[in-house]
Protein backbone atom coordinates (compact mmCIF):
# COMPACT_ATOMS: atom_id res chain seq x y z
CA UNK A 1 9.25 -2.25 10.10
CA UNK A 2 5.63 -2.80 11.23
CA UNK A 3 3.12 -0.44 12.71
CA UNK A 4 0.23 -2.78 12.84
CA UNK A 5 -0.90 -6.28 11.90
CA UNK A 6 0.81 -7.08 8.64
CA UNK A 7 1.16 -3.37 8.09
CA UNK A 8 4.44 -1.34 7.64
CA UNK A 9 7.37 -0.86 5.48
CA UNK A 10 9.89 -3.28 3.92
CA UNK A 11 12.99 -3.49 1.75
CA UNK A 12 13.67 -6.69 -0.16
CA UNK A 13 17.08 -7.81 -1.39
CA UNK A 14 16.70 -10.97 -3.69
CA UNK A 15 17.64 -12.45 -6.77
CA UNK A 16 15.59 -9.93 -8.84
CA UNK A 17 17.44 -7.04 -7.11
CA UNK A 18 16.29 -4.45 -4.56
CA UNK A 19 12.66 -3.52 -3.90
CA UNK A 20 11.23 -1.08 -1.36
CA UNK A 21 7.58 -0.90 -0.32
CA UNK A 22 4.92 -0.22 2.27
CA UNK A 23 1.29 -0.69 3.03
CA UNK A 24 -0.67 -3.84 4.21
CA UNK A 25 0.32 -7.27 2.87
CA UNK A 26 -2.24 -9.37 4.61
CA UNK A 27 -5.77 -8.41 5.77
CA UNK A 28 -8.63 -10.82 6.73
CA UNK A 29 -11.67 -10.93 9.02
CA UNK A 30 -12.17 -7.85 11.08
CA UNK A 31 -9.04 -6.06 9.56
CA UNK A 32 -10.27 -6.47 6.19
CA UNK A 33 -13.86 -5.32 7.10
CA UNK A 34 -12.44 -2.18 8.57
CA UNK A 35 -10.04 -1.56 5.65
CA UNK A 36 -13.07 -1.79 3.24
CA UNK A 37 -15.29 0.50 5.51
CA UNK A 38 -12.59 3.16 5.26
CA UNK A 39 -12.25 2.68 1.63
CA UNK A 40 -15.99 2.97 1.15
CA UNK A 41 -16.43 6.08 3.43
CA UNK A 42 -16.48 9.21 1.42
CA UNK A 43 -13.81 11.25 3.22
CA UNK A 44 -11.29 8.45 4.04
CA UNK A 45 -11.80 6.75 0.72
CA UNK A 46 -11.00 9.83 -1.18
CA UNK A 47 -7.96 10.38 0.93
CA UNK A 48 -6.69 6.96 0.04
CA UNK A 49 -7.31 7.54 -3.72
CA UNK A 50 -5.19 10.75 -3.51
CA UNK A 51 -2.41 8.97 -1.57
CA UNK A 52 -2.33 6.15 -4.21
CA UNK A 53 -2.46 8.58 -7.22
CA UNK A 54 0.46 10.67 -5.52
CA UNK A 55 2.60 7.44 -5.16
CA UNK A 56 2.04 6.53 -8.76
CA UNK A 57 2.94 9.91 -9.95
CA UNK A 58 6.05 9.58 -7.88
CA UNK A 59 7.22 6.42 -9.70
CA UNK A 60 5.62 3.84 -7.33
CA UNK A 61 3.63 0.81 -8.40
CA UNK A 62 0.42 0.34 -6.50
CA UNK A 63 -0.26 -3.39 -6.22
CA UNK A 64 -2.02 -5.76 -3.95
CA UNK A 65 -4.24 -8.95 -3.95
CA UNK A 66 -7.62 -8.10 -5.63
CA UNK A 67 -10.91 -9.85 -5.77
CA UNK A 68 -12.26 -10.56 -9.42
CA UNK A 69 -15.70 -9.77 -8.26
CA UNK A 70 -17.45 -7.20 -6.04
CA UNK A 71 -17.00 -7.73 -2.27
CA UNK A 72 -20.20 -9.05 -0.70
CA UNK A 73 -22.29 -6.16 0.74
CA UNK A 74 -20.98 -3.46 -1.78
CA UNK A 75 -22.63 -2.05 -4.82
CA UNK A 76 -20.90 -2.70 -8.09
CA UNK A 77 -21.45 0.95 -8.93
CA UNK A 78 -19.68 2.30 -5.89
CA UNK A 79 -17.33 5.12 -6.92
CA UNK A 80 -14.36 3.34 -5.31
CA UNK A 81 -15.32 -0.34 -6.23
CA UNK A 82 -11.82 -0.98 -7.63
CA UNK A 83 -10.22 0.01 -4.25
CA UNK A 84 -12.83 -2.14 -2.43
CA UNK A 85 -11.77 -5.22 -4.52
CA UNK A 86 -8.36 -4.89 -2.98
CA UNK A 87 -7.51 -7.27 -0.20
CA UNK A 88 -3.92 -5.77 0.24
CA UNK A 89 -2.72 -2.37 -0.67
CA UNK A 90 1.03 -1.89 -1.41
CA UNK A 91 3.21 0.97 -2.74
CA UNK A 92 6.37 -0.48 -4.32
CA UNK A 93 9.43 0.65 -6.28
CA UNK A 94 11.94 -1.69 -7.78
CA UNK A 95 15.49 -0.64 -8.20
CA UNK A 96 16.68 -4.00 -9.77
CA UNK A 97 20.44 -3.91 -9.81
CA UNK A 98 20.90 -0.15 -10.26
CA UNK A 99 24.79 0.77 -9.70
CA UNK A 100 23.78 2.56 -6.46
CA UNK A 101 22.27 -0.55 -4.72
CA UNK A 102 25.93 -1.47 -3.83
CA UNK A 103 26.65 1.85 -2.18
CA UNK A 104 25.48 4.05 0.78
CA UNK A 105 23.04 5.85 -1.64
CA UNK A 106 20.72 2.93 -1.23
CA UNK A 107 20.08 3.76 2.32
CA UNK A 108 19.12 7.26 1.36
CA UNK A 109 16.87 6.08 -1.28
CA UNK A 110 14.99 3.61 1.06
CA UNK A 111 14.65 6.30 3.69
CA UNK A 112 13.21 8.70 0.98
CA UNK A 113 10.91 6.08 -0.37
CA UNK A 114 9.67 5.17 3.28
CA UNK A 115 8.97 8.82 3.84
CA UNK A 116 7.00 8.97 0.61
CA UNK A 117 5.05 5.75 1.66
CA UNK A 118 4.30 7.08 5.11
CA UNK A 119 0.79 8.52 4.10
CA UNK A 120 -0.27 4.98 2.95
CA UNK A 121 1.05 3.12 5.88
CA UNK A 122 -0.53 5.73 8.30
CA UNK A 123 -3.88 5.56 6.43
CA UNK A 124 -3.92 1.71 6.60
CA UNK A 125 -2.85 1.63 10.31
CA UNK A 126 -5.63 4.07 11.19
CA UNK A 127 -8.16 2.21 9.01
CA UNK A 128 -7.50 -1.12 10.66
CA UNK A 129 -7.07 0.17 14.21
CA UNK A 130 -9.52 -1.23 16.75
């Protein structure tokens, strides 16, 4: 379910099992520039840090494509340099083949995970909005 360019929630059922996630899975050009500006800005960058920390504490994995070097135009000493290296930002939870994935409980878990991912998806959508 998308809310912006390459931004939204997803559920994947595949050979490795069930995975639930949300965030931005592709950003380039102007969207990536706006994403990084929001990461670099003191107030919005700290909000993102808190959102990601809360997701990790809640059992989500924070993942995404990352640069190996500092993005052009940013200081390597920036307090959120590790965020700035991210080209995509995803919160994900894998359920594998837990017994509940074959029951109606899976739908409840997906809904709850998507509710918990809403702050991240909303943050990204606001950051890349034109």
